[in-house]
Amino acid sequence: MPSDIERVTDAYRSRLLQADAAAHARIVVAHTRARDAILARLAETIASLPESERRVLANARWRALLDDVEDRITAFARGVGAEVVAGQRAAVVLAGEATRASLAIQAPRLVGSFASVPTSALVDVVGAMRDGSPLGAYLAEYGPKARAAAEDVLTNAVTLGLGPREEADELAAVLNTSKWLSLTTARSAVLDALRNASLRTYAANARILDGWVWIATRSRSSCLGCLHRHGSVYPLSVRFFPSHANCRCSPAPVATGGRGVVDETGEAWFARQDASTQQAMMSGDAYAAYQRGEVTLADFAGERNDPRWGPSVYERSWAEVAVTTNVKRAA
């Protein structure tokens, strides 16, 4: 069963994710409007051009269409940025509330010594990506990238002789890339803000904290790399290193002299799940090896360093695990 600290951490994270879901819905609506307007412009452009000019991509009407793609996706990205900043500000507030609530459970006597971190001191958490780069600069790339991708679609359409319907489908697929990227960026940036603000709050309370503990979500959709780290305690000097885009893991404070933070490790949680749950989280060969005691969750937890995002952990594939553990595939 989850400990009180786990329940508190999960509850605050759920509050943030509920707001995140609402923001995602608004982002999808905004993107749909932009995409539909661009596709309408494409249809209008095709209809307005004589057959002899439809293959001339230097035509001013095609250039105007590409301008429209860049302008609309750029405007869409600015809207995404506003959603992210609002979510990050909420995350900063929740980080302080969650830390205080966790401290009250572990060591009530220390609550009076808790130092709240002013939002102004966390200003750099808002409007930034995990690597510290400005969110605005990252989102500003969306428009030009969409334009370049749209131009590739038009060039391909001319080369292959695609019809208007096929051309529209190809362009829609390209435009949808910006939607999925924006949704991933929004969730990752907001959750990163929660983690970063939490660690800043812990640092401000170093005199009453011994460190922080990794709290992962525990479900069929959990990453095995994250699950392995559930319950692991780290010193305050160690930064949180999320394992993948949309990682929902969070830190929780470990109070000096406080009682246990988690009731079971991720390994123990996985071990007590039924066979269908374990099989849903592992491939067939991996599950068979796990059942034989030849591998553990630790074998599936890898580490890597992204040149932009920095250190992170990830779920290793069965192919990687089989090689490093020298476990043979099931017959």
Protein backbone atom coordinates (compact mmCIF):
# COMPACT_ATOMS: atom_id res chain seq x y z
CA MET A 1 0.00 0.00 0.00
CA PRO A 2 1.25 3.55 -0.71
CA SER A 3 2.65 5.45 2.26
CA ASP A 4 1.15 8.76 3.38
CA ILE A 5 4.03 10.58 1.68
CA GLU A 6 3.40 8.76 -1.58
CA ARG A 7 -0.29 9.63 -1.41
CA VAL A 8 0.49 13.30 -0.81
CA THR A 9 3.00 13.40 -3.67
CA ASP A 10 0.61 11.60 -6.01
CA ALA A 11 -2.25 13.92 -5.03
CA TYR A 12 -0.32 17.12 -5.79
CA ARG A 13 1.00 15.66 -9.03
CA SER A 14 -2.56 14.68 -9.99
CA ARG A 15 -3.73 18.25 -9.38
CA LEU A 16 -1.08 19.50 -11.76
CA LEU A 17 -1.88 16.86 -14.37
CA GLN A 18 -5.60 17.71 -14.23
CA ALA A 19 -4.78 21.31 -15.11
CA ASP A 20 -2.35 19.98 -17.70
CA ALA A 21 -5.11 17.91 -19.32
CA ALA A 22 -7.27 21.02 -19.65
CA ALA A 23 -4.35 22.90 -21.20
CA HIS A 24 -3.76 20.02 -23.61
CA ALA A 25 -7.40 20.18 -24.73
CA ARG A 26 -7.04 23.89 -25.46
CA ILE A 27 -3.80 23.28 -27.38
CA VAL A 28 -5.48 20.63 -29.54
CA VAL A 29 -8.37 22.98 -30.34
CA ALA A 30 -5.98 25.80 -31.26
CA HIS A 31 -3.93 23.51 -33.47
CA THR A 32 -7.02 22.13 -35.21
CA ARG A 33 -8.12 25.66 -36.08
CA ALA A 34 -4.69 26.54 -37.47
CA ARG A 35 -4.43 23.29 -39.42
CA ASP A 36 -7.94 23.58 -40.91
CA ALA A 37 -7.29 27.17 -41.96
CA ILE A 38 -4.07 26.14 -43.69
CA LEU A 39 -5.76 23.23 -45.48
CA ALA A 40 -8.53 25.57 -46.61
CA ARG A 41 -5.84 27.91 -47.95
CA LEU A 42 -4.26 24.95 -49.79
CA ALA A 43 -7.57 24.02 -51.45
CA GLU A 44 -8.15 27.65 -52.40
CA THR A 45 -4.65 27.93 -53.87
CA ILE A 46 -5.03 24.76 -55.95
CA ALA A 47 -8.44 25.85 -57.23
CA SER A 48 -7.20 29.31 -58.18
CA LEU A 49 -4.21 28.16 -60.22
CA PRO A 50 -4.44 27.13 -63.86
CA GLU A 51 -3.36 23.54 -64.43
CA SER A 52 -0.21 24.76 -66.17
CA GLU A 53 0.91 26.68 -63.06
CA ARG A 54 0.13 24.15 -60.34
CA ARG A 55 3.56 22.59 -60.67
CA VAL A 56 5.43 25.90 -60.49
CA LEU A 57 6.33 26.13 -56.80
CA ALA A 58 7.92 29.54 -57.27
CA ASN A 59 4.44 30.87 -57.98
CA ALA A 60 3.48 33.73 -55.67
CA ARG A 61 0.36 31.89 -54.54
CA TRP A 62 2.43 28.92 -53.31
CA ARG A 63 4.81 31.31 -51.56
CA ALA A 64 1.82 32.98 -49.89
CA LEU A 65 0.58 29.57 -48.72
CA LEU A 66 3.96 28.81 -47.14
CA ASP A 67 3.95 32.23 -45.47
CA ASP A 68 0.55 31.37 -44.06
CA VAL A 69 1.84 28.04 -42.71
CA GLU A 70 4.70 29.74 -40.91
CA ASP A 71 2.56 32.59 -39.54
CA ARG A 72 -0.23 30.34 -38.23
CA ILE A 73 2.07 27.76 -36.63
CA THR A 74 4.17 30.54 -35.10
CA ALA A 75 1.03 32.08 -33.60
CA PHE A 76 -0.06 28.64 -32.39
CA ALA A 77 3.35 28.13 -30.73
CA ARG A 78 3.04 31.46 -28.91
CA GLY A 79 -0.27 30.23 -27.50
CA VAL A 80 1.40 27.01 -26.39
CA GLY A 81 4.04 29.08 -24.64
CA ALA A 82 1.39 30.99 -22.71
CA GLU A 83 -0.21 27.70 -21.61
CA VAL A 84 3.15 26.32 -20.48
CA VAL A 85 4.10 29.43 -18.50
CA ALA A 86 0.74 29.38 -16.71
CA GLY A 87 1.27 25.70 -15.90
CA GLN A 88 4.80 26.31 -14.66
CA ARG A 89 3.64 29.09 -12.35
CA ALA A 90 1.04 26.75 -10.86
CA ALA A 91 3.75 24.09 -10.49
CA VAL A 92 5.94 26.47 -8.48
CA VAL A 93 3.11 27.08 -6.01
CA LEU A 94 2.27 23.38 -5.75
CA ALA A 95 5.91 22.50 -5.11
CA GLY A 96 5.93 24.56 -1.92
CA GLU A 97 2.56 23.24 -0.76
CA ALA A 98 3.53 19.62 -1.40
CA THR A 99 6.85 20.01 0.43
CA ARG A 100 5.16 21.47 3.50
CA ALA A 101 2.45 18.77 3.47
CA SER A 102 5.06 16.00 3.24
CA LEU A 103 7.07 17.53 6.06
CA ALA A 104 3.97 17.73 8.26
CA ILE A 105 3.48 13.98 7.85
CA GLN A 106 7.10 12.94 8.41
CA ALA A 107 8.17 15.31 11.15
CA PRO A 108 5.39 17.67 12.39
CA ARG A 109 7.79 19.29 14.88
CA LEU A 110 9.83 20.69 11.98
CA VAL A 111 6.96 22.44 10.19
CA GLY A 112 7.55 25.59 12.20
CA SER A 113 11.08 25.75 10.81
CA PHE A 114 9.94 25.36 7.21
CA ALA A 115 11.15 28.17 4.96
CA SER A 116 8.82 28.99 2.08
CA VAL A 117 10.62 30.00 -1.10
CA PRO A 118 9.15 33.17 -2.64
CA THR A 119 7.87 32.70 -6.18
CA SER A 120 10.16 35.57 -7.19
CA ALA A 121 13.15 33.42 -6.24
CA LEU A 122 12.00 30.78 -8.72
CA VAL A 123 11.46 33.11 -11.64
CA ASP A 124 14.01 31.25 -13.78
CA VAL A 125 11.98 28.04 -13.47
CA VAL A 126 9.13 29.69 -15.37
CA GLY A 127 9.57 30.09 -19.13
CA ALA A 128 12.48 27.64 -19.31
CA MET A 129 13.08 24.17 -20.68
CA ARG A 130 14.73 21.37 -18.73
CA ASP A 131 18.15 22.28 -20.14
CA GLY A 132 17.68 25.88 -18.97
CA SER A 133 17.18 27.27 -22.46
CA PRO A 134 14.34 29.78 -22.97
CA LEU A 135 11.01 28.19 -23.79
CA GLY A 136 10.16 31.02 -26.18
CA ALA A 137 13.25 30.43 -28.31
CA TYR A 138 12.45 26.73 -28.54
CA LEU A 139 8.84 27.33 -29.59
CA ALA A 140 9.89 30.02 -32.06
CA GLU A 141 11.42 27.23 -34.17
CA TYR A 142 8.00 25.65 -34.79
CA GLY A 143 6.87 28.09 -37.52
CA PRO A 144 10.00 27.95 -39.71
CA LYS A 145 10.21 24.16 -39.31
CA ALA A 146 6.56 23.77 -40.32
CA ARG A 147 7.16 25.97 -43.38
CA ALA A 148 10.17 23.88 -44.44
CA ALA A 149 8.21 20.65 -43.96
CA ALA A 150 5.25 22.04 -45.92
CA GLU A 151 7.56 23.02 -48.76
CA ASP A 152 8.89 19.46 -48.83
CA VAL A 153 5.31 18.19 -49.08
CA LEU A 154 4.56 20.46 -52.03
CA THR A 155 7.79 19.47 -53.77
CA ASN A 156 7.01 15.80 -53.21
CA ALA A 157 3.46 16.30 -54.50
CA VAL A 158 4.78 17.80 -57.72
CA THR A 159 7.41 15.09 -58.15
CA LEU A 160 4.94 12.24 -57.61
CA GLY A 161 2.01 13.94 -59.29
CA LEU A 162 -0.22 13.71 -56.21
CA GLY A 163 -3.82 14.86 -56.45
CA PRO A 164 -5.34 17.59 -54.26
CA ARG A 165 -6.75 15.12 -51.71
CA GLU A 166 -3.46 13.28 -51.31
CA GLU A 167 -1.61 16.57 -51.09
CA ALA A 168 -3.93 17.78 -48.33
CA ASP A 169 -3.48 14.52 -46.41
CA GLU A 170 0.30 14.81 -46.63
CA LEU A 171 0.23 18.42 -45.43
CA ALA A 172 -2.14 17.58 -42.57
CA ALA A 173 0.22 14.82 -41.40
CA VAL A 174 3.15 17.23 -41.41
CA LEU A 175 1.21 19.88 -39.51
CA ASN A 176 0.17 17.31 -36.89
CA THR A 177 3.83 16.92 -35.99
CA SER A 178 3.78 20.38 -34.41
CA LYS A 179 0.73 19.37 -32.38
CA TRP A 180 2.33 16.28 -30.88
CA LEU A 181 5.59 18.11 -30.24
CA SER A 182 3.75 20.92 -28.48
CA LEU A 183 1.80 18.51 -26.25
CA THR A 184 4.99 16.73 -25.23
CA THR A 185 6.78 20.02 -24.66
CA ALA A 186 3.94 21.42 -22.57
CA ARG A 187 3.69 18.44 -20.23
CA SER A 188 7.43 17.95 -19.90
CA ALA A 189 8.11 21.64 -19.22
CA VAL A 190 5.40 21.90 -16.55
CA LEU A 191 6.47 18.71 -14.76
CA ASP A 192 10.11 19.82 -14.96
CA ALA A 193 9.09 23.09 -13.30
CA LEU A 194 7.43 21.14 -10.47
CA ARG A 195 10.57 19.07 -9.93
CA ASN A 196 12.97 22.01 -10.16
CA ALA A 197 10.89 24.20 -7.84
CA SER A 198 10.65 21.30 -5.39
CA LEU A 199 14.42 20.84 -5.29
CA ARG A 200 14.95 24.58 -4.83
CA THR A 201 12.53 24.46 -1.91
CA TYR A 202 14.39 21.50 -0.43
CA ALA A 203 17.70 23.35 -0.75
CA ALA A 204 16.23 26.31 1.15
CA ASN A 205 15.32 23.86 3.93
CA ALA A 206 18.56 21.87 3.97
CA ARG A 207 18.88 22.24 7.73
CA ILE A 208 15.77 20.10 8.29
CA LEU A 209 16.02 17.72 5.33
CA ASP A 210 18.33 14.78 4.69
CA GLY A 211 17.61 14.49 0.96
CA TRP A 212 14.85 13.61 -1.45
CA VAL A 213 13.21 10.38 -2.57
CA TRP A 214 12.17 9.37 -6.08
CA ILE A 215 8.40 8.83 -6.34
CA ALA A 216 7.23 7.12 -9.52
CA THR A 217 3.70 6.46 -10.65
CA ARG A 218 2.84 2.80 -10.19
CA SER A 219 0.66 1.46 -13.00
CA ARG A 220 0.76 -0.71 -16.10
CA SER A 221 1.97 2.24 -18.12
CA SER A 222 4.93 2.96 -15.83
CA CYS A 223 8.40 2.92 -17.34
CA LEU A 224 10.49 0.12 -15.78
CA GLY A 225 13.45 2.49 -15.50
CA CYS A 226 11.34 4.92 -13.44
CA LEU A 227 9.77 2.13 -11.41
CA HIS A 228 13.20 0.78 -10.46
CA ARG A 229 14.07 4.17 -8.94
CA HIS A 230 10.87 4.45 -6.92
CA GLY A 231 11.88 4.72 -3.26
CA SER A 232 15.53 5.55 -3.98
CA VAL A 233 16.88 8.35 -1.77
CA TYR A 234 19.31 10.98 -3.04
CA PRO A 235 21.23 13.79 -1.33
CA LEU A 236 20.00 17.35 -1.87
CA SER A 237 23.04 18.02 -4.04
CA VAL A 238 21.75 15.63 -6.73
CA ARG A 239 19.41 17.13 -9.32
CA PHE A 240 16.37 15.23 -10.52
CA PHE A 241 17.00 13.56 -13.88
CA PRO A 242 13.68 12.59 -15.50
CA SER A 243 13.86 9.52 -17.66
CA HIS A 244 11.87 10.48 -20.74
CA ALA A 245 9.47 12.97 -22.28
CA ASN A 246 6.24 13.18 -20.25
CA CYS A 247 7.96 11.53 -17.27
CA ARG A 248 5.52 11.86 -14.35
CA CYS A 249 7.98 10.99 -11.57
CA SER A 250 8.41 13.48 -8.74
CA PRO A 251 10.73 14.02 -5.79
CA ALA A 252 9.50 14.08 -2.19
CA PRO A 253 11.47 15.54 0.74
CA VAL A 254 13.13 13.31 3.33
CA ALA A 255 12.92 15.02 6.71
CA THR A 256 15.76 14.78 9.22
CA GLY A 257 14.73 12.13 11.71
CA GLY A 258 11.42 11.63 9.92
CA ARG A 259 9.73 8.26 9.54
CA GLY A 260 9.79 6.13 6.40
CA VAL A 261 8.86 7.89 3.19
CA VAL A 262 7.80 4.90 1.06
CA ASP A 263 6.37 1.59 2.23
CA GLU A 264 7.82 -0.43 -0.65
CA THR A 265 10.31 -0.03 -3.44
CA GLY A 266 9.38 -0.12 -7.09
CA GLU A 267 10.91 -3.59 -7.29
CA ALA A 268 8.65 -4.81 -4.46
CA TRP A 269 5.58 -3.20 -6.05
CA PHE A 270 6.27 -4.95 -9.35
CA ALA A 271 6.93 -8.29 -7.65
CA ARG A 272 3.49 -8.34 -6.02
CA GLN A 273 1.57 -7.54 -9.23
CA ASP A 274 -0.37 -10.30 -10.96
CA ALA A 275 1.01 -12.05 -14.02
CA SER A 276 -1.14 -10.08 -16.49
CA THR A 277 0.19 -6.75 -15.18
CA GLN A 278 3.81 -7.90 -15.27
CA GLN A 279 3.39 -9.28 -18.79
CA ALA A 280 1.83 -6.00 -19.93
CA MET A 281 4.92 -4.16 -18.72
CA MET A 282 7.53 -6.57 -20.14
CA SER A 283 8.03 -8.35 -23.42
CA GLY A 284 7.47 -12.11 -23.48
CA ASP A 285 11.17 -13.00 -23.33
CA ALA A 286 11.82 -10.41 -20.62
CA TYR A 287 8.95 -11.69 -18.50
CA ALA A 288 10.14 -15.29 -18.84
CA ALA A 289 13.66 -14.29 -17.74
CA TYR A 290 12.23 -12.28 -14.84
CA GLN A 291 10.17 -15.27 -13.71
CA ARG A 292 13.30 -17.45 -13.79
CA GLY A 293 15.10 -14.91 -11.61
CA GLU A 294 17.65 -14.11 -14.30
CA VAL A 295 16.88 -10.38 -14.46
CA THR A 296 15.48 -7.70 -12.13
CA LEU A 297 14.04 -4.24 -12.71
CA ALA A 298 17.53 -2.81 -12.22
CA ASP A 299 18.58 -4.48 -15.47
CA PHE A 300 15.98 -2.44 -17.37
CA ALA A 301 17.13 0.92 -15.95
CA GLY A 302 19.61 2.57 -18.30
CA GLU A 303 21.35 5.94 -18.15
CA ARG A 304 22.41 8.25 -20.97
CA ASN A 305 23.44 11.83 -21.57
CA ASP A 306 21.57 13.85 -24.17
CA PRO A 307 23.70 16.64 -25.67
CA ARG A 308 20.86 19.12 -25.16
CA TRP A 309 18.80 17.84 -22.22
CA GLY A 310 21.60 16.41 -20.11
CA PRO A 311 21.65 13.19 -18.02
CA SER A 312 18.57 11.01 -17.92
CA VAL A 313 17.46 7.45 -17.33
CA TYR A 314 15.42 5.29 -19.68
CA GLU A 315 13.88 1.85 -19.97
CA ARG A 316 16.35 -0.45 -21.68
CA SER A 317 15.00 -2.71 -24.38
CA TRP A 318 15.01 -6.47 -23.95
CA ALA A 319 17.66 -6.68 -26.68
CA GLU A 320 19.98 -4.50 -24.56
CA VAL A 321 19.21 -6.41 -21.37
CA ALA A 322 19.71 -9.81 -23.00
CA VAL A 323 23.16 -8.82 -24.25
CA THR A 324 24.43 -7.32 -21.00
CA THR A 325 23.01 -10.06 -18.77
CA ASN A 326 23.90 -12.85 -21.22
CA VAL A 327 20.36 -14.24 -20.92
CA LYS A 328 19.22 -16.33 -23.86
CA ARG A 329 15.92 -15.64 -25.57
CA ALA A 330 13.09 -18.03 -24.78
CA ALA A 331 12.69 -20.82 -27.31
